[in-house]
């Protein structure tokens, strides 16, 4: 395992610990996000366990389970956070259609041992959700201090991460064929995205916990 693996895992653990510490304050608003981070951490630490304990070196099949879970829990966050700027019925139809695609993809479209291509579609959907959230913030002008709003940090994390993820997923095959060394550099780039993503979510949890405590006091 590379040093990046331990750093990324440590940041994910930090996000889990931050969410757990403020869980009482954030669960009414960000419970789905907390569950997502917990699933991401469990998935990450399962990789070395599968390799060293069960001698499973190929773990690409995990993507067929993780990406649908990632999508449903993050989508539920946006379903709650997006107001009148988005038609909720259309959002539910989109979420349902994507989840159906996630089920049929490993059965009829892709091989189960391949890296799931559904991430490209989910990245596009999350980019749309994040842009709509920023549009909602600007249109409603209800947030006085943007830096103090936890969803701003979380939405920024989603925008940066899935924009980078879309670029990485689309180009991964081309990069791999072009140069093994360049593919390693792209993996480092993706790990930096991971670091930024979970660090910003941890800040979001901290902001949400502090915000809730301030309201109750």
N, C-alpha and C. Protein backbone atom coordinates (compact mmCIF):
# COMPACT_ATOMS: atom_id res chain seq x y z
N UNK A 1 0.83 -1.19 0.00
CA UNK A 1 0.00 0.00 0.00
C UNK A 1 0.87 1.26 0.00
N UNK A 2 0.51 2.23 -0.81
CA UNK A 2 1.29 3.46 -0.91
C UNK A 2 1.04 4.37 0.29
N UNK A 3 1.93 5.35 0.43
CA UNK A 3 1.76 6.33 1.52
C UNK A 3 0.49 7.12 1.34
N UNK A 4 0.10 7.35 0.08
CA UNK A 4 -1.13 8.09 -0.21
C UNK A 4 -2.34 7.37 0.36
N UNK A 5 -2.33 6.04 0.31
CA UNK A 5 -3.45 5.26 0.84
C UNK A 5 -3.66 5.56 2.32
N UNK A 6 -2.57 5.58 3.08
CA UNK A 6 -2.66 5.83 4.52
C UNK A 6 -3.10 7.26 4.81
N UNK A 7 -2.63 8.20 4.01
CA UNK A 7 -3.01 9.60 4.21
C UNK A 7 -4.49 9.80 3.92
N UNK A 8 -4.94 9.25 2.77
CA UNK A 8 -6.36 9.37 2.40
C UNK A 8 -7.25 8.69 3.44
N UNK A 9 -6.84 7.49 3.88
CA UNK A 9 -7.61 6.77 4.89
C UNK A 9 -7.68 7.56 6.19
N UNK A 10 -6.56 8.19 6.55
CA UNK A 10 -6.52 9.00 7.78
C UNK A 10 -7.47 10.19 7.68
N UNK A 11 -7.53 10.83 6.51
CA UNK A 11 -8.44 11.97 6.31
C UNK A 11 -9.89 11.49 6.35
N UNK A 12 -10.16 10.34 5.75
CA UNK A 12 -11.52 9.78 5.81
C UNK A 12 -11.90 9.48 7.25
N UNK A 13 -10.97 8.91 8.00
CA UNK A 13 -11.21 8.63 9.42
C UNK A 13 -11.46 9.91 10.18
N UNK A 14 -10.69 10.96 9.85
CA UNK A 14 -10.88 12.27 10.48
C UNK A 14 -12.30 12.80 10.22
N UNK A 15 -12.77 12.63 8.98
CA UNK A 15 -14.14 13.06 8.64
C UNK A 15 -15.18 12.25 9.41
N UNK A 16 -14.93 10.94 9.55
CA UNK A 16 -15.84 10.07 10.32
C UNK A 16 -15.87 10.50 11.79
N UNK A 17 -14.70 10.74 12.35
CA UNK A 17 -14.60 11.14 13.76
C UNK A 17 -15.29 12.50 14.00
N UNK A 18 -15.05 13.44 13.08
CA UNK A 18 -15.69 14.76 13.19
C UNK A 18 -17.20 14.63 13.12
N UNK A 19 -17.68 13.84 12.15
CA UNK A 19 -19.12 13.61 12.03
C UNK A 19 -19.70 12.92 13.24
N UNK A 20 -18.96 11.95 13.79
CA UNK A 20 -19.42 11.21 14.97
C UNK A 20 -19.49 12.12 16.20
N UNK A 21 -18.49 13.01 16.32
CA UNK A 21 -18.44 13.93 17.46
C UNK A 21 -19.64 14.89 17.45
N UNK A 22 -20.00 15.35 16.25
CA UNK A 22 -21.12 16.30 16.12
C UNK A 22 -22.41 15.62 15.65
N UNK A 23 -22.47 14.30 15.75
CA UNK A 23 -23.61 13.57 15.18
C UNK A 23 -24.95 14.02 15.75
N UNK A 24 -24.98 14.28 17.04
CA UNK A 24 -26.22 14.73 17.68
C UNK A 24 -26.70 16.04 17.08
N UNK A 25 -25.76 16.92 16.76
CA UNK A 25 -26.11 18.24 16.22
C UNK A 25 -26.42 18.20 14.72
N UNK A 26 -25.79 17.27 13.98
CA UNK A 26 -25.91 17.30 12.52
C UNK A 26 -26.88 16.26 11.95
N UNK A 27 -27.34 15.31 12.77
CA UNK A 27 -28.09 14.18 12.22
C UNK A 27 -29.42 14.59 11.58
N UNK A 28 -30.03 15.66 12.06
CA UNK A 28 -31.29 16.09 11.46
C UNK A 28 -31.11 16.63 10.05
N UNK A 29 -29.92 17.09 9.73
CA UNK A 29 -29.67 17.68 8.41
C UNK A 29 -28.70 16.85 7.56
N UNK A 30 -27.66 16.30 8.19
CA UNK A 30 -26.61 15.64 7.42
C UNK A 30 -26.39 14.18 7.79
N UNK A 31 -27.41 13.50 8.24
CA UNK A 31 -27.27 12.08 8.60
C UNK A 31 -26.87 11.25 7.38
N UNK A 32 -27.51 11.51 6.23
CA UNK A 32 -27.20 10.75 5.01
C UNK A 32 -25.75 10.97 4.57
N UNK A 33 -25.25 12.18 4.75
CA UNK A 33 -23.87 12.48 4.40
C UNK A 33 -22.92 11.74 5.34
N UNK A 34 -23.27 11.69 6.62
CA UNK A 34 -22.45 10.98 7.59
C UNK A 34 -22.39 9.49 7.26
N UNK A 35 -23.53 8.91 6.89
CA UNK A 35 -23.57 7.49 6.51
C UNK A 35 -22.70 7.25 5.28
N UNK A 36 -22.77 8.16 4.32
CA UNK A 36 -21.93 8.06 3.12
C UNK A 36 -20.45 8.03 3.47
N UNK A 37 -20.01 8.95 4.33
CA UNK A 37 -18.61 9.02 4.72
C UNK A 37 -18.19 7.74 5.44
N UNK A 38 -19.08 7.22 6.27
CA UNK A 38 -18.82 5.98 7.00
C UNK A 38 -18.65 4.81 6.03
N UNK A 39 -19.52 4.73 5.02
CA UNK A 39 -19.43 3.67 4.00
C UNK A 39 -18.12 3.81 3.21
N UNK A 40 -17.76 5.05 2.87
CA UNK A 40 -16.52 5.29 2.12
C UNK A 40 -15.30 4.82 2.91
N UNK A 41 -15.30 5.09 4.22
CA UNK A 41 -14.18 4.68 5.07
C UNK A 41 -14.11 3.16 5.17
N UNK A 42 -15.26 2.51 5.37
CA UNK A 42 -15.30 1.05 5.47
C UNK A 42 -14.83 0.41 4.16
N UNK A 43 -15.25 0.99 3.03
CA UNK A 43 -14.84 0.47 1.72
C UNK A 43 -13.33 0.61 1.54
N UNK A 44 -12.78 1.74 1.99
CA UNK A 44 -11.34 2.00 1.84
C UNK A 44 -10.52 1.01 2.65
N UNK A 45 -10.90 0.78 3.90
CA UNK A 45 -10.10 -0.13 4.74
C UNK A 45 -10.35 -1.59 4.39
N UNK A 46 -11.42 -1.87 3.65
CA UNK A 46 -11.68 -3.26 3.23
C UNK A 46 -10.69 -3.73 2.18
N UNK A 47 -10.12 -2.79 1.43
CA UNK A 47 -9.19 -3.16 0.34
C UNK A 47 -7.95 -3.89 0.86
N UNK A 48 -7.22 -3.33 1.85
CA UNK A 48 -6.06 -4.09 2.37
C UNK A 48 -6.47 -5.36 3.11
N UNK A 49 -7.65 -5.36 3.72
CA UNK A 49 -8.14 -6.57 4.41
C UNK A 49 -8.37 -7.68 3.39
N UNK A 50 -9.01 -7.34 2.27
CA UNK A 50 -9.24 -8.33 1.21
C UNK A 50 -7.92 -8.84 0.64
N UNK A 51 -6.93 -7.94 0.55
CA UNK A 51 -5.65 -8.31 -0.05
C UNK A 51 -4.80 -9.17 0.89
N UNK A 52 -4.62 -8.70 2.13
CA UNK A 52 -3.71 -9.38 3.05
C UNK A 52 -4.34 -10.57 3.77
N UNK A 53 -5.63 -10.48 4.07
CA UNK A 53 -6.29 -11.56 4.82
C UNK A 53 -6.88 -12.62 3.90
N UNK A 54 -7.56 -12.16 2.83
CA UNK A 54 -8.24 -13.10 1.94
C UNK A 54 -7.54 -13.31 0.60
N UNK A 55 -6.38 -12.66 0.43
CA UNK A 55 -5.58 -12.81 -0.79
C UNK A 55 -6.36 -12.45 -2.05
N UNK A 56 -7.17 -11.41 -1.94
CA UNK A 56 -7.94 -10.91 -3.09
C UNK A 56 -7.24 -9.66 -3.61
N UNK A 57 -6.54 -9.80 -4.73
CA UNK A 57 -5.77 -8.67 -5.26
C UNK A 57 -6.59 -7.78 -6.18
N UNK A 58 -7.64 -8.33 -6.78
CA UNK A 58 -8.47 -7.56 -7.71
C UNK A 58 -9.73 -7.11 -6.97
N UNK A 59 -9.86 -5.79 -6.76
CA UNK A 59 -11.01 -5.29 -6.00
C UNK A 59 -11.89 -4.33 -6.80
N UNK A 60 -11.76 -4.35 -8.14
CA UNK A 60 -12.56 -3.44 -8.97
C UNK A 60 -14.05 -3.70 -8.84
N UNK A 61 -14.41 -4.95 -8.49
CA UNK A 61 -15.83 -5.28 -8.32
C UNK A 61 -16.49 -4.49 -7.20
N UNK A 62 -15.68 -3.98 -6.27
CA UNK A 62 -16.24 -3.17 -5.18
C UNK A 62 -16.95 -1.92 -5.71
N UNK A 63 -16.47 -1.42 -6.86
CA UNK A 63 -17.06 -0.20 -7.43
C UNK A 63 -18.53 -0.39 -7.80
N UNK A 64 -18.93 -1.63 -8.11
CA UNK A 64 -20.32 -1.89 -8.48
C UNK A 64 -21.26 -1.82 -7.26
N UNK A 65 -20.68 -1.91 -6.07
CA UNK A 65 -21.47 -1.74 -4.84
C UNK A 65 -21.33 -0.33 -4.28
N UNK A 66 -20.08 0.17 -4.31
CA UNK A 66 -19.81 1.46 -3.68
C UNK A 66 -20.44 2.63 -4.42
N UNK A 67 -20.33 2.68 -5.74
CA UNK A 67 -20.85 3.83 -6.50
C UNK A 67 -22.36 4.02 -6.36
N UNK A 68 -23.17 2.94 -6.39
CA UNK A 68 -24.61 3.14 -6.15
C UNK A 68 -24.90 3.67 -4.74
N UNK A 69 -24.17 3.16 -3.73
CA UNK A 69 -24.37 3.63 -2.36
C UNK A 69 -23.94 5.10 -2.24
N UNK A 70 -22.82 5.43 -2.84
CA UNK A 70 -22.35 6.82 -2.88
C UNK A 70 -23.42 7.72 -3.49
N UNK A 71 -23.97 7.28 -4.61
CA UNK A 71 -24.95 8.09 -5.33
C UNK A 71 -26.22 8.30 -4.51
N UNK A 72 -26.76 7.23 -3.94
CA UNK A 72 -28.05 7.35 -3.26
C UNK A 72 -27.94 8.24 -2.02
N UNK A 73 -26.87 8.10 -1.25
CA UNK A 73 -26.77 8.88 -0.01
C UNK A 73 -26.45 10.35 -0.28
N UNK A 74 -25.58 10.63 -1.27
CA UNK A 74 -25.31 12.02 -1.62
C UNK A 74 -26.52 12.67 -2.28
N UNK A 75 -27.25 11.90 -3.09
CA UNK A 75 -28.46 12.43 -3.74
C UNK A 75 -29.52 12.79 -2.71
N UNK A 76 -29.63 11.99 -1.66
CA UNK A 76 -30.60 12.27 -0.60
C UNK A 76 -30.26 13.57 0.13
N UNK A 77 -28.96 13.87 0.23
CA UNK A 77 -28.53 15.15 0.82
C UNK A 77 -29.04 16.31 -0.04
N UNK A 78 -28.85 16.21 -1.35
CA UNK A 78 -29.29 17.28 -2.26
C UNK A 78 -30.80 17.33 -2.39
N UNK A 79 -31.45 16.18 -2.28
CA UNK A 79 -32.91 16.17 -2.32
C UNK A 79 -33.49 16.99 -1.17
N UNK A 80 -32.75 16.99 -0.06
CA UNK A 80 -33.18 17.74 1.12
C UNK A 80 -32.75 19.20 1.05
N UNK A 81 -31.56 19.46 0.50
CA UNK A 81 -31.00 20.81 0.51
C UNK A 81 -31.52 21.69 -0.62
N UNK A 82 -31.81 21.10 -1.77
CA UNK A 82 -32.30 21.89 -2.90
C UNK A 82 -33.78 22.19 -2.71
N UNK A 83 -34.12 23.45 -2.80
CA UNK A 83 -35.51 23.87 -2.57
C UNK A 83 -36.29 24.00 -3.85
N UNK A 84 -36.87 25.17 -4.03
CA UNK A 84 -37.75 25.41 -5.18
C UNK A 84 -36.98 25.55 -6.50
N UNK A 85 -35.65 25.60 -6.45
CA UNK A 85 -34.86 25.75 -7.67
C UNK A 85 -34.88 24.49 -8.53
N UNK A 86 -35.29 23.38 -7.93
CA UNK A 86 -35.32 22.10 -8.65
C UNK A 86 -36.65 21.40 -8.38
N UNK A 87 -37.21 20.78 -9.42
CA UNK A 87 -38.43 19.99 -9.28
C UNK A 87 -38.07 18.67 -8.59
N UNK A 88 -38.58 18.46 -7.37
CA UNK A 88 -38.22 17.28 -6.58
C UNK A 88 -38.70 15.99 -7.23
N UNK A 89 -39.81 16.02 -7.92
CA UNK A 89 -40.32 14.81 -8.58
C UNK A 89 -39.36 14.36 -9.68
N UNK A 90 -38.82 15.33 -10.44
CA UNK A 90 -37.87 14.99 -11.48
C UNK A 90 -36.57 14.46 -10.88
N UNK A 91 -36.19 15.02 -9.74
CA UNK A 91 -35.00 14.53 -9.04
C UNK A 91 -35.19 13.08 -8.62
N UNK A 92 -36.35 12.76 -8.09
CA UNK A 92 -36.64 11.39 -7.65
C UNK A 92 -36.64 10.42 -8.83
N UNK A 93 -37.18 10.86 -9.95
CA UNK A 93 -37.18 10.02 -11.17
C UNK A 93 -35.74 9.78 -11.64
N UNK A 94 -34.93 10.84 -11.62
CA UNK A 94 -33.52 10.72 -12.03
C UNK A 94 -32.76 9.78 -11.11
N UNK A 95 -32.98 9.92 -9.82
CA UNK A 95 -32.31 9.06 -8.84
C UNK A 95 -32.73 7.60 -9.04
N UNK A 96 -34.04 7.38 -9.23
CA UNK A 96 -34.55 6.03 -9.44
C UNK A 96 -34.01 5.41 -10.72
N UNK A 97 -33.94 6.20 -11.79
CA UNK A 97 -33.44 5.71 -13.09
C UNK A 97 -31.96 5.33 -12.98
N UNK A 98 -31.20 6.16 -12.28
CA UNK A 98 -29.77 5.88 -12.14
C UNK A 98 -29.56 4.61 -11.32
N UNK A 99 -30.30 4.44 -10.24
CA UNK A 99 -30.16 3.25 -9.40
C UNK A 99 -30.53 1.99 -10.18
N UNK A 100 -31.54 2.10 -11.04
CA UNK A 100 -31.93 0.97 -11.89
C UNK A 100 -30.79 0.61 -12.84
N UNK A 101 -30.14 1.65 -13.40
CA UNK A 101 -29.00 1.43 -14.29
C UNK A 101 -27.85 0.76 -13.55
N UNK A 102 -27.64 1.15 -12.28
CA UNK A 102 -26.58 0.55 -11.47
C UNK A 102 -26.81 -0.94 -11.27
N UNK A 103 -28.08 -1.35 -11.21
CA UNK A 103 -28.41 -2.76 -11.01
C UNK A 103 -28.18 -3.57 -12.29
N UNK A 104 -28.64 -3.02 -13.43
CA UNK A 104 -28.53 -3.78 -14.67
C UNK A 104 -27.12 -3.72 -15.28
N UNK A 105 -26.32 -2.71 -14.88
CA UNK A 105 -24.99 -2.55 -15.47
C UNK A 105 -24.09 -3.78 -15.30
N UNK A 106 -23.90 -4.29 -14.05
CA UNK A 106 -23.03 -5.47 -13.90
C UNK A 106 -23.69 -6.78 -14.37
N UNK A 107 -25.00 -6.74 -14.57
CA UNK A 107 -25.70 -7.95 -15.01
C UNK A 107 -25.70 -8.12 -16.52
N UNK A 108 -25.85 -7.01 -17.25
CA UNK A 108 -26.03 -7.11 -18.70
C UNK A 108 -25.07 -6.25 -19.53
N UNK A 109 -24.43 -5.24 -18.92
CA UNK A 109 -23.64 -4.30 -19.72
C UNK A 109 -22.14 -4.51 -19.50
N UNK A 110 -21.70 -4.41 -18.26
CA UNK A 110 -20.28 -4.57 -17.94
C UNK A 110 -20.01 -5.89 -17.26
N UNK A 111 -18.76 -6.30 -17.35
CA UNK A 111 -18.33 -7.46 -16.57
C UNK A 111 -18.20 -7.04 -15.11
N UNK A 112 -18.59 -7.91 -14.20
CA UNK A 112 -18.59 -7.60 -12.77
C UNK A 112 -17.18 -7.31 -12.24
N UNK A 113 -16.17 -7.85 -12.91
CA UNK A 113 -14.79 -7.66 -12.46
C UNK A 113 -14.17 -6.37 -13.00
N UNK A 114 -14.89 -5.64 -13.85
CA UNK A 114 -14.40 -4.39 -14.39
C UNK A 114 -14.75 -3.22 -13.49
N UNK A 115 -13.98 -2.14 -13.62
CA UNK A 115 -14.27 -0.90 -12.90
C UNK A 115 -15.58 -0.32 -13.44
N UNK A 116 -16.54 -0.07 -12.55
CA UNK A 116 -17.87 0.38 -12.97
C UNK A 116 -17.82 1.75 -13.65
N UNK A 117 -18.44 1.82 -14.82
CA UNK A 117 -18.47 3.08 -15.57
C UNK A 117 -19.59 4.01 -15.12
N UNK A 118 -20.39 3.58 -14.16
CA UNK A 118 -21.51 4.43 -13.72
C UNK A 118 -21.01 5.72 -13.07
N UNK A 119 -19.75 5.72 -12.60
CA UNK A 119 -19.19 6.90 -11.94
C UNK A 119 -19.20 8.11 -12.88
N UNK A 120 -19.01 7.89 -14.19
CA UNK A 120 -19.03 9.01 -15.14
C UNK A 120 -20.39 9.70 -15.13
N UNK A 121 -21.46 8.89 -15.12
CA UNK A 121 -22.82 9.44 -15.13
C UNK A 121 -23.15 10.10 -13.80
N UNK A 122 -22.77 9.46 -12.70
CA UNK A 122 -23.06 10.04 -11.38
C UNK A 122 -22.30 11.35 -11.19
N UNK A 123 -21.08 11.44 -11.72
CA UNK A 123 -20.29 12.68 -11.62
C UNK A 123 -21.01 13.83 -12.31
N UNK A 124 -21.55 13.56 -13.50
CA UNK A 124 -22.29 14.59 -14.24
C UNK A 124 -23.52 15.05 -13.45
N UNK A 125 -24.23 14.08 -12.88
CA UNK A 125 -25.43 14.40 -12.09
C UNK A 125 -25.07 15.25 -10.88
N UNK A 126 -24.00 14.89 -10.17
CA UNK A 126 -23.61 15.66 -8.99
C UNK A 126 -23.10 17.05 -9.34
N UNK A 127 -22.47 17.18 -10.49
CA UNK A 127 -22.06 18.51 -10.95
C UNK A 127 -23.28 19.39 -11.19
N UNK A 128 -24.32 18.80 -11.76
CA UNK A 128 -25.58 19.54 -11.99
C UNK A 128 -26.22 19.93 -10.67
N UNK A 129 -26.26 18.98 -9.72
CA UNK A 129 -26.82 19.27 -8.40
C UNK A 129 -26.07 20.40 -7.71
N UNK A 130 -24.74 20.35 -7.77
CA UNK A 130 -23.93 21.37 -7.08
C UNK A 130 -24.10 22.74 -7.71
N UNK A 131 -24.21 22.80 -9.04
CA UNK A 131 -24.43 24.08 -9.73
C UNK A 131 -25.80 24.65 -9.37
N UNK A 132 -26.80 23.76 -9.32
CA UNK A 132 -28.14 24.21 -8.92
C UNK A 132 -28.14 24.74 -7.49
N UNK A 133 -27.34 24.11 -6.61
CA UNK A 133 -27.29 24.59 -5.23
C UNK A 133 -26.69 26.00 -5.16
N UNK A 134 -25.59 26.22 -5.91
CA UNK A 134 -25.01 27.56 -5.95
C UNK A 134 -25.99 28.58 -6.53
N UNK A 135 -26.73 28.17 -7.55
CA UNK A 135 -27.74 29.04 -8.14
C UNK A 135 -28.81 29.40 -7.10
N UNK A 136 -29.22 28.42 -6.32
CA UNK A 136 -30.22 28.63 -5.27
C UNK A 136 -29.70 29.62 -4.22
N UNK A 137 -28.45 29.45 -3.83
CA UNK A 137 -27.85 30.34 -2.82
C UNK A 137 -27.82 31.79 -3.33
N UNK A 138 -27.43 31.97 -4.59
CA UNK A 138 -27.36 33.32 -5.17
C UNK A 138 -28.75 33.92 -5.39
N UNK A 139 -29.71 33.07 -5.77
CA UNK A 139 -31.06 33.56 -6.06
C UNK A 139 -31.81 33.94 -4.79
N UNK A 140 -31.65 33.16 -3.73
CA UNK A 140 -32.40 33.40 -2.50
C UNK A 140 -31.71 34.42 -1.59
N UNK A 141 -30.40 34.48 -1.66
CA UNK A 141 -29.58 35.40 -0.83
C UNK A 141 -29.97 35.36 0.65
N UNK A 142 -30.18 34.15 1.16
CA UNK A 142 -30.55 33.99 2.56
C UNK A 142 -29.34 33.82 3.47
N UNK A 143 -28.23 33.38 2.90
CA UNK A 143 -27.03 33.12 3.70
C UNK A 143 -26.21 34.40 3.81
N UNK A 144 -26.06 34.89 5.02
CA UNK A 144 -25.34 36.14 5.25
C UNK A 144 -23.84 35.96 5.14
N UNK A 145 -23.33 34.88 5.71
CA UNK A 145 -21.89 34.62 5.69
C UNK A 145 -21.66 33.25 5.07
N UNK A 146 -21.17 33.23 3.83
CA UNK A 146 -21.01 31.97 3.09
C UNK A 146 -20.05 31.01 3.79
N UNK A 147 -18.97 31.53 4.35
CA UNK A 147 -17.97 30.69 5.00
C UNK A 147 -18.51 30.00 6.24
N UNK A 148 -19.59 30.54 6.80
CA UNK A 148 -20.17 29.94 8.00
C UNK A 148 -21.24 28.90 7.71
N UNK A 149 -21.62 28.76 6.44
CA UNK A 149 -22.66 27.81 6.05
C UNK A 149 -22.05 26.45 5.70
N UNK A 150 -22.37 25.40 6.46
CA UNK A 150 -21.75 24.09 6.22
C UNK A 150 -21.98 23.52 4.83
N UNK A 151 -23.16 23.74 4.27
CA UNK A 151 -23.46 23.17 2.95
C UNK A 151 -22.62 23.80 1.85
N UNK A 152 -22.16 25.01 2.06
CA UNK A 152 -21.26 25.65 1.08
C UNK A 152 -19.96 24.85 0.98
N UNK A 153 -19.42 24.45 2.13
CA UNK A 153 -18.19 23.66 2.16
C UNK A 153 -18.42 22.28 1.53
N UNK A 154 -19.55 21.68 1.88
CA UNK A 154 -19.86 20.34 1.37
C UNK A 154 -20.10 20.39 -0.14
N UNK A 155 -20.85 21.39 -0.59
CA UNK A 155 -21.14 21.52 -2.01
C UNK A 155 -19.87 21.82 -2.82
N UNK A 156 -18.97 22.60 -2.24
CA UNK A 156 -17.69 22.87 -2.89
C UNK A 156 -16.87 21.59 -3.02
N UNK A 157 -16.92 20.77 -1.97
CA UNK A 157 -16.23 19.48 -2.00
C UNK A 157 -16.77 18.61 -3.13
N UNK A 158 -18.10 18.57 -3.26
CA UNK A 158 -18.74 17.77 -4.31
C UNK A 158 -18.36 18.29 -5.70
N UNK A 159 -18.42 19.60 -5.87
CA UNK A 159 -18.11 20.20 -7.18
C UNK A 159 -16.67 19.90 -7.61
N UNK A 160 -15.71 20.12 -6.71
CA UNK A 160 -14.30 19.90 -7.05
C UNK A 160 -14.04 18.41 -7.28
N UNK A 161 -14.54 17.58 -6.38
CA UNK A 161 -14.24 16.15 -6.45
C UNK A 161 -14.83 15.49 -7.69
N UNK A 162 -16.11 15.75 -7.97
CA UNK A 162 -16.74 15.06 -9.09
C UNK A 162 -16.36 15.65 -10.45
N UNK A 163 -15.97 16.92 -10.47
CA UNK A 163 -15.42 17.48 -11.72
C UNK A 163 -14.09 16.79 -12.04
N UNK A 164 -13.25 16.64 -11.02
CA UNK A 164 -11.99 15.94 -11.20
C UNK A 164 -12.17 14.46 -11.48
N UNK A 165 -13.15 13.86 -10.80
CA UNK A 165 -13.43 12.44 -10.99
C UNK A 165 -13.91 12.14 -12.40
N UNK A 166 -14.74 13.04 -12.94
CA UNK A 166 -15.23 12.87 -14.31
C UNK A 166 -14.06 12.90 -15.29
N UNK A 167 -13.18 13.85 -15.12
CA UNK A 167 -12.00 13.97 -15.98
C UNK A 167 -11.13 12.72 -15.86
N UNK A 168 -10.91 12.27 -14.63
CA UNK A 168 -10.06 11.09 -14.37
C UNK A 168 -10.67 9.82 -14.96
N UNK A 169 -11.98 9.62 -14.76
CA UNK A 169 -12.64 8.41 -15.23
C UNK A 169 -12.65 8.31 -16.75
N UNK A 170 -12.94 9.44 -17.41
CA UNK A 170 -13.00 9.44 -18.87
C UNK A 170 -11.63 9.18 -19.48
N UNK A 171 -10.59 9.76 -18.89
CA UNK A 171 -9.26 9.67 -19.48
C UNK A 171 -8.42 8.49 -18.97
N UNK A 172 -8.93 7.76 -17.97
CA UNK A 172 -8.11 6.73 -17.33
C UNK A 172 -7.62 5.67 -18.32
N UNK A 173 -8.52 5.17 -19.16
CA UNK A 173 -8.15 4.13 -20.12
C UNK A 173 -7.12 4.64 -21.12
N UNK A 174 -7.34 5.87 -21.60
CA UNK A 174 -6.41 6.47 -22.56
C UNK A 174 -5.04 6.68 -21.91
N UNK A 175 -5.06 7.17 -20.68
CA UNK A 175 -3.82 7.43 -19.94
C UNK A 175 -3.06 6.12 -19.72
N UNK A 176 -3.79 5.07 -19.35
CA UNK A 176 -3.17 3.77 -19.07
C UNK A 176 -2.48 3.22 -20.30
N UNK A 177 -3.11 3.38 -21.46
CA UNK A 177 -2.53 2.89 -22.71
C UNK A 177 -1.34 3.75 -23.15
N UNK A 178 -1.41 5.03 -22.82
CA UNK A 178 -0.35 5.96 -23.24
C UNK A 178 0.94 5.74 -22.46
N UNK A 179 0.82 5.69 -21.14
CA UNK A 179 2.01 5.58 -20.31
C UNK A 179 1.65 5.10 -18.91
N UNK A 180 2.36 4.07 -18.46
CA UNK A 180 2.17 3.57 -17.09
C UNK A 180 2.59 4.62 -16.06
N UNK A 181 3.67 5.32 -16.35
CA UNK A 181 4.15 6.34 -15.43
C UNK A 181 3.15 7.50 -15.32
N UNK A 182 2.58 7.88 -16.46
CA UNK A 182 1.60 8.96 -16.44
C UNK A 182 0.33 8.54 -15.71
N UNK A 183 0.00 7.25 -15.79
CA UNK A 183 -1.18 6.74 -15.08
C UNK A 183 -0.96 6.80 -13.57
N UNK A 184 0.30 6.61 -13.14
CA UNK A 184 0.62 6.72 -11.72
C UNK A 184 0.46 8.16 -11.25
N UNK A 185 0.90 9.10 -12.10
CA UNK A 185 0.74 10.52 -11.76
C UNK A 185 -0.73 10.89 -11.65
N UNK A 186 -1.55 10.33 -12.56
CA UNK A 186 -2.99 10.60 -12.52
C UNK A 186 -3.61 10.02 -11.26
N UNK A 187 -3.07 8.89 -10.77
CA UNK A 187 -3.56 8.29 -9.53
C UNK A 187 -3.23 9.19 -8.34
N UNK A 188 -2.04 9.81 -8.34
CA UNK A 188 -1.68 10.76 -7.29
C UNK A 188 -2.63 11.96 -7.31
N UNK A 189 -2.93 12.42 -8.49
CA UNK A 189 -3.87 13.54 -8.66
C UNK A 189 -5.24 13.19 -8.08
N UNK A 190 -5.68 11.97 -8.34
CA UNK A 190 -6.99 11.55 -7.82
C UNK A 190 -6.96 11.43 -6.30
N UNK A 191 -5.84 10.99 -5.75
CA UNK A 191 -5.71 10.90 -4.29
C UNK A 191 -5.77 12.28 -3.64
N UNK A 192 -5.19 13.27 -4.31
CA UNK A 192 -5.27 14.65 -3.81
C UNK A 192 -6.72 15.13 -3.81
N UNK A 193 -7.46 14.75 -4.85
CA UNK A 193 -8.89 15.06 -4.90
C UNK A 193 -9.62 14.44 -3.72
N UNK A 194 -9.28 13.19 -3.43
CA UNK A 194 -9.89 12.49 -2.28
C UNK A 194 -9.61 13.22 -0.98
N UNK A 195 -8.34 13.62 -0.81
CA UNK A 195 -7.96 14.35 0.39
C UNK A 195 -8.79 15.62 0.56
N UNK A 196 -8.88 16.40 -0.52
CA UNK A 196 -9.62 17.65 -0.48
C UNK A 196 -11.10 17.40 -0.18
N UNK A 197 -11.65 16.37 -0.80
CA UNK A 197 -13.07 16.05 -0.66
C UNK A 197 -13.45 15.78 0.79
N UNK A 198 -12.73 14.86 1.43
CA UNK A 198 -13.08 14.48 2.80
C UNK A 198 -12.68 15.53 3.82
N UNK A 199 -11.65 16.30 3.51
CA UNK A 199 -11.26 17.38 4.40
C UNK A 199 -12.33 18.48 4.42
N UNK A 200 -12.85 18.83 3.24
CA UNK A 200 -13.91 19.83 3.15
C UNK A 200 -15.21 19.34 3.78
N UNK A 201 -15.50 18.05 3.65
CA UNK A 201 -16.69 17.48 4.31
C UNK A 201 -16.52 17.54 5.83
N UNK A 202 -15.32 17.25 6.32
CA UNK A 202 -15.05 17.33 7.76
C UNK A 202 -15.28 18.76 8.26
N UNK A 203 -14.84 19.75 7.47
CA UNK A 203 -15.08 21.15 7.82
C UNK A 203 -16.58 21.43 7.83
N UNK A 204 -17.31 20.86 6.86
CA UNK A 204 -18.76 21.01 6.81
C UNK A 204 -19.43 20.45 8.05
N UNK A 205 -18.99 19.27 8.49
CA UNK A 205 -19.53 18.68 9.72
C UNK A 205 -19.26 19.58 10.92
N UNK A 206 -18.03 20.08 11.00
CA UNK A 206 -17.65 20.96 12.11
C UNK A 206 -18.48 22.24 12.11
N UNK A 207 -18.65 22.83 10.92
CA UNK A 207 -19.46 24.06 10.81
C UNK A 207 -20.91 23.79 11.20
N UNK A 208 -21.45 22.64 10.77
CA UNK A 208 -22.84 22.29 11.07
C UNK A 208 -23.03 22.07 12.57
N UNK A 209 -22.05 21.40 13.19
CA UNK A 209 -22.12 21.18 14.63
C UNK A 209 -22.07 22.47 15.42
N UNK A 210 -21.16 23.35 15.04
CA UNK A 210 -21.04 24.66 15.71
C UNK A 210 -22.28 25.51 15.48
N UNK A 211 -22.80 25.46 14.26
CA UNK A 211 -24.00 26.25 13.92
C UNK A 211 -25.19 25.81 14.75
N UNK A 212 -25.34 24.50 14.91
CA UNK A 212 -26.47 23.97 15.68
C UNK A 212 -26.34 24.31 17.16
N UNK A 213 -25.10 24.24 17.66
CA UNK A 213 -24.88 24.59 19.07
C UNK A 213 -25.19 26.05 19.33
N UNK A 214 -24.83 26.92 18.37
CA UNK A 214 -25.10 28.35 18.50
C UNK A 214 -26.59 28.64 18.51
N UNK A 215 -27.35 27.89 17.71
CA UNK A 215 -28.80 28.08 17.64
C UNK A 215 -29.46 27.64 18.94
N UNK A 216 -28.96 26.52 19.52
CA UNK A 216 -29.56 25.98 20.74
C UNK A 216 -29.19 26.77 21.99
N UNK A 217 -28.03 27.43 21.94
CA UNK A 217 -27.57 28.18 23.14
C UNK A 217 -28.26 29.53 23.27
